[in-house]
Each structure stands twice: as structure tokens, then as C-alpha cells.
């Protein structure tokens, strides 16, 4: 897969088989990669994740503003 697109929403499959939708926020100045869980509205970086996951595909390239 190509590099994720900033602000695009991706379908993410967790090791449990659950699919979540995360918005890719991109790297910060320390090169940590940040995401936003679209359901919980929590931001997190990849280094903080304690489980396996994979990008299944692009869900949406636009984030709703409402």
C-alpha cells in the first residue's frame, strides 16, 4: 500500500478481527505517526498501540465537517 494520505479515513482491521475507522493525521516533529479514531474521537500515535492492526483500505478521503 502507498503512504497514507493526511486527513483521509482508513478501514483498520484489529487483531481481533474488529474493523475500525481511523483518520490519518500524519507525522509530528518527532516523526511519530498520529491517527484519530473516528468513533471515540481520540488521537493516538502508532507507538502507543499495544495490539496488531493493519490498513484494509481507504474508507473516505474527506472528513465530515458537521
PDB file of N, CA and C in Angstrom:
ATOM      1  N   UNK A   1       0.845  -1.186   0.000  1.00  0.00           N
ATOM      2  CA  UNK A   1       0.000   0.000   0.000  1.00  0.00           C
ATOM      3  C   UNK A   1       0.886   1.245   0.000  1.00  0.00           C
ATOM      4  N   UNK A   2       0.416   2.275  -0.665  1.00  0.00           N
ATOM      5  CA  UNK A   2       1.121   3.554  -0.684  1.00  0.00           C
ATOM      6  C   UNK A   2       1.054   4.229   0.671  1.00  0.00           C
ATOM      7  N   UNK A   3       1.852   5.270   0.819  1.00  0.00           N
ATOM      8  CA  UNK A   3       1.832   6.075   2.050  1.00  0.00           C
ATOM      9  C   UNK A   3       0.413   6.614   2.266  1.00  0.00           C
ATOM     10  N   UNK A   4      -0.114   6.523   3.506  1.00  0.00           N
ATOM     11  CA  UNK A   4      -1.450   7.066   3.773  1.00  0.00           C
ATOM     12  C   UNK A   4      -1.518   8.566   3.469  1.00  0.00           C
ATOM     13  N   UNK A   5      -2.699   9.017   3.116  1.00  0.00           N
ATOM     14  CA  UNK A   5      -2.953  10.415   2.780  1.00  0.00           C
ATOM     15  C   UNK A   5      -3.431  11.143   4.034  1.00  0.00           C
ATOM     16  N   UNK A   6      -2.815  12.269   4.340  1.00  0.00           N
ATOM     17  CA  UNK A   6      -3.196  13.043   5.520  1.00  0.00           C
ATOM     18  C   UNK A   6      -4.666  13.451   5.430  1.00  0.00           C
ATOM     19  N   UNK A   7      -5.379  13.255   6.529  1.00  0.00           N
ATOM     20  CA  UNK A   7      -6.802  13.546   6.726  1.00  0.00           C
ATOM     21  C   UNK A   7      -7.746  12.537   6.083  1.00  0.00           C
ATOM     22  N   UNK A   8      -7.222  11.548   5.356  1.00  0.00           N
ATOM     23  CA  UNK A   8      -8.077  10.503   4.801  1.00  0.00           C
ATOM     24  C   UNK A   8      -8.453   9.528   5.918  1.00  0.00           C
ATOM     25  N   UNK A   9      -9.605   8.878   5.763  1.00  0.00           N
ATOM     26  CA  UNK A   9     -10.079   7.897   6.738  1.00  0.00           C
ATOM     27  C   UNK A   9      -9.887   6.507   6.149  1.00  0.00           C
ATOM     28  N   UNK A  10      -9.297   5.622   6.964  1.00  0.00           N
ATOM     29  CA  UNK A  10      -8.986   4.266   6.532  1.00  0.00           C
ATOM     30  C   UNK A  10      -9.734   3.244   7.365  1.00  0.00           C
ATOM     31  N   UNK A  11     -10.122   2.137   6.708  1.00  0.00           N
ATOM     32  CA  UNK A  11     -10.667   0.988   7.425  1.00  0.00           C
ATOM     33  C   UNK A  11      -9.477   0.234   7.998  1.00  0.00           C
ATOM     34  N   UNK A  12      -9.479   0.028   9.303  1.00  0.00           N
ATOM     35  CA  UNK A  12      -8.384  -0.625  10.017  1.00  0.00           C
ATOM     36  C   UNK A  12      -8.905  -1.919  10.629  1.00  0.00           C
ATOM     37  N   UNK A  13      -8.205  -3.021  10.370  1.00  0.00           N
ATOM     38  CA  UNK A  13      -8.585  -4.279  10.992  1.00  0.00           C
ATOM     39  C   UNK A  13      -7.667  -4.549  12.173  1.00  0.00           C
ATOM     40  N   UNK A  14      -8.271  -4.715  13.350  1.00  0.00           N
ATOM     41  CA  UNK A  14      -7.523  -5.030  14.558  1.00  0.00           C
ATOM     42  C   UNK A  14      -7.271  -6.539  14.610  1.00  0.00           C
ATOM     43  N   UNK A  15      -6.349  -6.962  15.460  1.00  0.00           N
ATOM     44  CA  UNK A  15      -6.007  -8.386  15.571  1.00  0.00           C
ATOM     45  C   UNK A  15      -7.216  -9.234  15.961  1.00  0.00           C
ATOM     46  N   UNK A  16      -8.213  -8.644  16.597  1.00  0.00           N
ATOM     47  CA  UNK A  16      -9.433  -9.354  16.999  1.00  0.00           C
ATOM     48  C   UNK A  16     -10.380  -9.590  15.827  1.00  0.00           C
ATOM     49  N   UNK A  17     -10.094  -8.939  14.689  1.00  0.00           N
ATOM     50  CA  UNK A  17     -10.982  -9.029  13.533  1.00  0.00           C
ATOM     51  C   UNK A  17     -11.932  -7.845  13.432  1.00  0.00           C
ATOM     52  N   UNK A  18     -12.013  -7.054  14.500  1.00  0.00           N
ATOM     53  CA  UNK A  18     -12.864  -5.857  14.501  1.00  0.00           C
ATOM     54  C   UNK A  18     -12.319  -4.845  13.496  1.00  0.00           C
ATOM     55  N   UNK A  19     -13.225  -4.168  12.781  1.00  0.00           N
ATOM     56  CA  UNK A  19     -12.830  -3.111  11.849  1.00  0.00           C
ATOM     57  C   UNK A  19     -13.181  -1.767  12.463  1.00  0.00           C
ATOM     58  N   UNK A  20     -12.212  -0.873  12.488  1.00  0.00           N
ATOM     59  CA  UNK A  20     -12.394   0.492  12.995  1.00  0.00           C
ATOM     60  C   UNK A  20     -12.069   1.462  11.866  1.00  0.00           C
ATOM     61  N   UNK A  21     -12.478   2.702  12.015  1.00  0.00           N
ATOM     62  CA  UNK A  21     -12.205   3.730  11.008  1.00  0.00           C
ATOM     63  C   UNK A  21     -11.369   4.817  11.653  1.00  0.00           C
ATOM     64  N   UNK A  22     -10.146   4.946  11.154  1.00  0.00           N
ATOM     65  CA  UNK A  22      -9.186   5.896  11.699  1.00  0.00           C
ATOM     66  C   UNK A  22      -8.822   6.927  10.648  1.00  0.00           C
ATOM     67  N   UNK A  23      -8.759   8.177  11.072  1.00  0.00           N
ATOM     68  CA  UNK A  23      -8.297   9.264  10.208  1.00  0.00           C
ATOM     69  C   UNK A  23      -6.791   9.412  10.391  1.00  0.00           C
ATOM     70  N   UNK A  24      -6.074   9.418   9.286  1.00  0.00           N
ATOM     71  CA  UNK A  24      -4.616   9.557   9.321  1.00  0.00           C
ATOM     72  C   UNK A  24      -4.265  11.033   9.486  1.00  0.00           C
ATOM     73  N   UNK A  25      -3.570  11.371  10.578  1.00  0.00           N
ATOM     74  CA  UNK A  25      -3.200  12.759  10.853  1.00  0.00           C
ATOM     75  C   UNK A  25      -1.767  13.066  10.440  1.00  0.00           C
ATOM     76  N   UNK A  26      -0.974  12.028  10.214  1.00  0.00           N
ATOM     77  CA  UNK A  26       0.395  12.211   9.742  1.00  0.00           C
ATOM     78  C   UNK A  26       1.420  12.311  10.866  1.00  0.00           C
ATOM     79  N   UNK A  27       2.671  12.544  10.478  1.00  0.00           N
ATOM     80  CA  UNK A  27       3.760  12.598  11.458  1.00  0.00           C
ATOM     81  C   UNK A  27       3.861  13.963  12.136  1.00  0.00           C
ATOM     82  N   UNK A  28       4.383  13.946  13.369  1.00  0.00           N
ATOM     83  CA  UNK A  28       4.667  15.201  14.059  1.00  0.00           C
ATOM     84  C   UNK A  28       6.155  15.523  13.919  1.00  0.00           C
ATOM     85  N   UNK A  29       6.621  16.524  14.629  1.00  0.00           N
ATOM     86  CA  UNK A  29       8.015  16.961  14.507  1.00  0.00           C
ATOM     87  C   UNK A  29       9.008  15.906  14.998  1.00  0.00           C
ATOM     88  N   UNK A  30       8.510  14.946  15.809  1.00  0.00           N
ATOM     89  CA  UNK A  30       9.372  13.866  16.314  1.00  0.00           C
ATOM     90  C   UNK A  30       9.280  12.613  15.449  1.00  0.00           C
ATOM     91  N   UNK A  31       8.536  12.732  14.358  1.00  0.00           N
ATOM     92  CA  UNK A  31       8.298  11.635  13.405  1.00  0.00           C
ATOM     93  C   UNK A  31       7.406  10.529  13.957  1.00  0.00           C
ATOM     94  N   UNK A  32       6.638  10.854  14.994  1.00  0.00           N
ATOM     95  CA  UNK A  32       5.619   9.926  15.470  1.00  0.00           C
ATOM     96  C   UNK A  32       4.405  10.049  14.551  1.00  0.00           C
ATOM     97  N   UNK A  33       3.790   8.939  14.207  1.00  0.00           N
ATOM     98  CA  UNK A  33       2.641   8.925  13.293  1.00  0.00           C
ATOM     99  C   UNK A  33       1.354   8.954  14.123  1.00  0.00           C
ATOM    100  N   UNK A  34       0.492   9.924  13.812  1.00  0.00           N
ATOM    101  CA  UNK A  34      -0.740  10.137  14.578  1.00  0.00           C
ATOM    102  C   UNK A  34      -1.982   9.763  13.792  1.00  0.00           C
ATOM    103  N   UNK A  35      -2.972   9.222  14.512  1.00  0.00           N
ATOM    104  CA  UNK A  35      -4.271   8.827  13.974  1.00  0.00           C
ATOM    105  C   UNK A  35      -5.369   9.357  14.886  1.00  0.00           C
ATOM    106  N   UNK A  36      -6.571   9.419  14.355  1.00  0.00           N
ATOM    107  CA  UNK A  36      -7.771   9.779  15.117  1.00  0.00           C
ATOM    108  C   UNK A  36      -8.792   8.665  14.922  1.00  0.00           C
ATOM    109  N   UNK A  37      -9.258   8.068  16.012  1.00  0.00           N
ATOM    110  CA  UNK A  37     -10.327   7.070  15.938  1.00  0.00           C
ATOM    111  C   UNK A  37     -11.623   7.851  15.701  1.00  0.00           C
ATOM    112  N   UNK A  38     -12.294   7.599  14.584  1.00  0.00           N
ATOM    113  CA  UNK A  38     -13.465   8.406  14.225  1.00  0.00           C
ATOM    114  C   UNK A  38     -14.668   8.137  15.121  1.00  0.00           C
ATOM    115  N   UNK A  39     -14.678   7.000  15.815  1.00  0.00           N
ATOM    116  CA  UNK A  39     -15.789   6.701  16.718  1.00  0.00           C
ATOM    117  C   UNK A  39     -15.588   7.339  18.086  1.00  0.00           C
ATOM    118  N   UNK A  40     -14.407   7.169  18.659  1.00  0.00           N
ATOM    119  CA  UNK A  40     -14.147   7.667  20.010  1.00  0.00           C
ATOM    120  C   UNK A  40     -13.626   9.102  20.022  1.00  0.00           C
ATOM    121  N   UNK A  41     -13.183   9.583  18.868  1.00  0.00           N
ATOM    122  CA  UNK A  41     -12.591  10.930  18.712  1.00  0.00           C
ATOM    123  C   UNK A  41     -11.268  11.070  19.464  1.00  0.00           C
ATOM    124  N   UNK A  42     -10.628   9.963  19.798  1.00  0.00           N
ATOM    125  CA  UNK A  42      -9.344  10.008  20.492  1.00  0.00           C
ATOM    126  C   UNK A  42      -8.195   9.981  19.495  1.00  0.00           C
ATOM    127  N   UNK A  43      -7.219  10.866  19.726  1.00  0.00           N
ATOM    128  CA  UNK A  43      -5.997  10.877  18.927  1.00  0.00           C
ATOM    129  C   UNK A  43      -4.949  10.012  19.621  1.00  0.00           C
ATOM    130  N   UNK A  44      -4.140   9.334  18.826  1.00  0.00           N
ATOM    131  CA  UNK A  44      -3.090   8.481  19.371  1.00  0.00           C
ATOM    132  C   UNK A  44      -1.990   8.336  18.337  1.00  0.00           C
ATOM    133  N   UNK A  45      -0.807   7.953  18.803  1.00  0.00           N
ATOM    134  CA  UNK A  45       0.268   7.694  17.852  1.00  0.00           C
ATOM    135  C   UNK A  45       0.524   6.197  17.778  1.00  0.00           C
ATOM    136  N   UNK A  46       1.128   5.764  16.676  1.00  0.00           N
ATOM    137  CA  UNK A  46       1.337   4.343  16.438  1.00  0.00           C
ATOM    138  C   UNK A  46       2.173   3.690  17.533  1.00  0.00           C
ATOM    139  N   UNK A  47       3.101   4.425  18.127  1.00  0.00           N
ATOM    140  CA  UNK A  47       3.960   3.869  19.169  1.00  0.00           C
ATOM    141  C   UNK A  47       3.178   3.514  20.429  1.00  0.00           C
ATOM    142  N   UNK A  48       1.999   4.095  20.610  1.00  0.00           N
ATOM    143  CA  UNK A  48       1.212   3.843  21.823  1.00  0.00           C
ATOM    144  C   UNK A  48       0.302   2.622  21.700  1.00  0.00           C
ATOM    145  N   UNK A  49       0.183   2.048  20.524  1.00  0.00           N
ATOM    146  CA  UNK A  49      -0.720   0.914  20.323  1.00  0.00           C
ATOM    147  C   UNK A  49      -0.121  -0.366  20.892  1.00  0.00           C
ATOM    148  N   UNK A  50      -0.949  -1.133  21.565  1.00  0.00           N
ATOM    149  CA  UNK A  50      -0.492  -2.361  22.212  1.00  0.00           C
ATOM    150  C   UNK A  50      -1.039  -3.614  21.522  1.00  0.00           C
ATOM    151  N   UNK A  51      -1.554  -3.499  20.312  1.00  0.00           N
ATOM    152  CA  UNK A  51      -2.096  -4.646  19.603  1.00  0.00           C
ATOM    153  C   UNK A  51      -1.778  -4.529  18.114  1.00  0.00           C
ATOM    154  N   UNK A  52      -1.906  -5.662  17.421  1.00  0.00           N
ATOM    155  CA  UNK A  52      -1.627  -5.693  15.988  1.00  0.00           C
ATOM    156  C   UNK A  52      -2.812  -5.136  15.210  1.00  0.00           C
ATOM    157  N   UNK A  53      -2.527  -4.465  14.120  1.00  0.00           N
ATOM    158  CA  UNK A  53      -3.566  -3.902  13.274  1.00  0.00           C
ATOM    159  C   UNK A  53      -3.022  -3.772  11.853  1.00  0.00           C
ATOM    160  N   UNK A  54      -3.913  -3.622  10.894  1.00  0.00           N
ATOM    161  CA  UNK A  54      -3.484  -3.424   9.507  1.00  0.00           C
ATOM    162  C   UNK A  54      -4.494  -2.541   8.784  1.00  0.00           C
ATOM    163  N   UNK A  55      -3.991  -1.795   7.828  1.00  0.00           N
ATOM    164  CA  UNK A  55      -4.849  -0.949   6.995  1.00  0.00           C
ATOM    165  C   UNK A  55      -5.486  -1.844   5.938  1.00  0.00           C
ATOM    166  N   UNK A  56      -6.811  -1.877   5.904  1.00  0.00           N
ATOM    167  CA  UNK A  56      -7.532  -2.685   4.920  1.00  0.00           C
ATOM    168  C   UNK A  56      -7.805  -1.894   3.651  1.00  0.00           C
ATOM    169  N   UNK A  57      -7.896  -0.575   3.768  1.00  0.00           N
ATOM    170  CA  UNK A  57      -8.134   0.236   2.585  1.00  0.00           C
ATOM    171  C   UNK A  57      -8.671   1.608   2.936  1.00  0.00           C
ATOM    172  N   UNK A  58      -8.696   2.452   1.937  1.00  0.00           N
ATOM    173  CA  UNK A  58      -9.211   3.810   2.072  1.00  0.00           C
ATOM    174  C   UNK A  58     -10.720   3.750   2.248  1.00  0.00           C
ATOM    175  N   UNK A  59     -11.205   4.406   3.281  1.00  0.00           N
ATOM    176  CA  UNK A  59     -12.647   4.457   3.531  1.00  0.00           C
ATOM    177  C   UNK A  59     -13.229   5.744   2.957  1.00  0.00           C
ATOM    178  N   UNK A  60     -12.539   6.865   3.198  1.00  0.00           N
ATOM    179  CA  UNK A  60     -13.024   8.167   2.734  1.00  0.00           C
ATOM    180  C   UNK A  60     -11.855   9.133   2.678  1.00  0.00           C
ATOM    181  N   UNK A  61     -11.810   9.911   1.628  1.00  0.00           N
ATOM    182  CA  UNK A  61     -10.738  10.901   1.536  1.00  0.00           C
ATOM    183  C   UNK A  61     -11.181  12.256   2.069  1.00  0.00           C
ATOM    184  N   UNK A  62     -12.427  12.326   2.525  1.00  0.00           N
ATOM    185  CA  UNK A  62     -12.940  13.574   3.102  1.00  0.00           C
ATOM    186  C   UNK A  62     -13.522  13.289   4.460  1.00  0.00           C
ATOM    187  N   UNK A  63     -13.238  14.167   5.390  1.00  0.00           N
ATOM    188  CA  UNK A  63     -13.742  14.037   6.756  1.00  0.00           C
ATOM    189  C   UNK A  63     -14.953  14.938   6.898  1.00  0.00           C
ATOM    190  N   UNK A  64     -16.093  14.426   7.385  1.00  0.00           N
ATOM    191  CA  UNK A  64     -17.274  15.287   7.545  1.00  0.00           C
ATOM    192  C   UNK A  64     -17.011  16.453   8.501  1.00  0.00           C
ATOM    193  N   UNK A  65     -17.531  17.605   8.171  1.00  0.00           N
ATOM    194  CA  UNK A  65     -17.317  18.802   8.984  1.00  0.00           C
ATOM    195  C   UNK A  65     -18.436  19.012   9.991  1.00  0.00           C
ATOM    196  N   UNK A  66     -19.538  18.314   9.859  1.00  0.00           N
ATOM    197  CA  UNK A  66     -20.672  18.502  10.774  1.00  0.00           C
ATOM    198  C   UNK A  66     -20.634  17.546  11.925  1.00  0.00           C
TER     199      UNK A  66
END
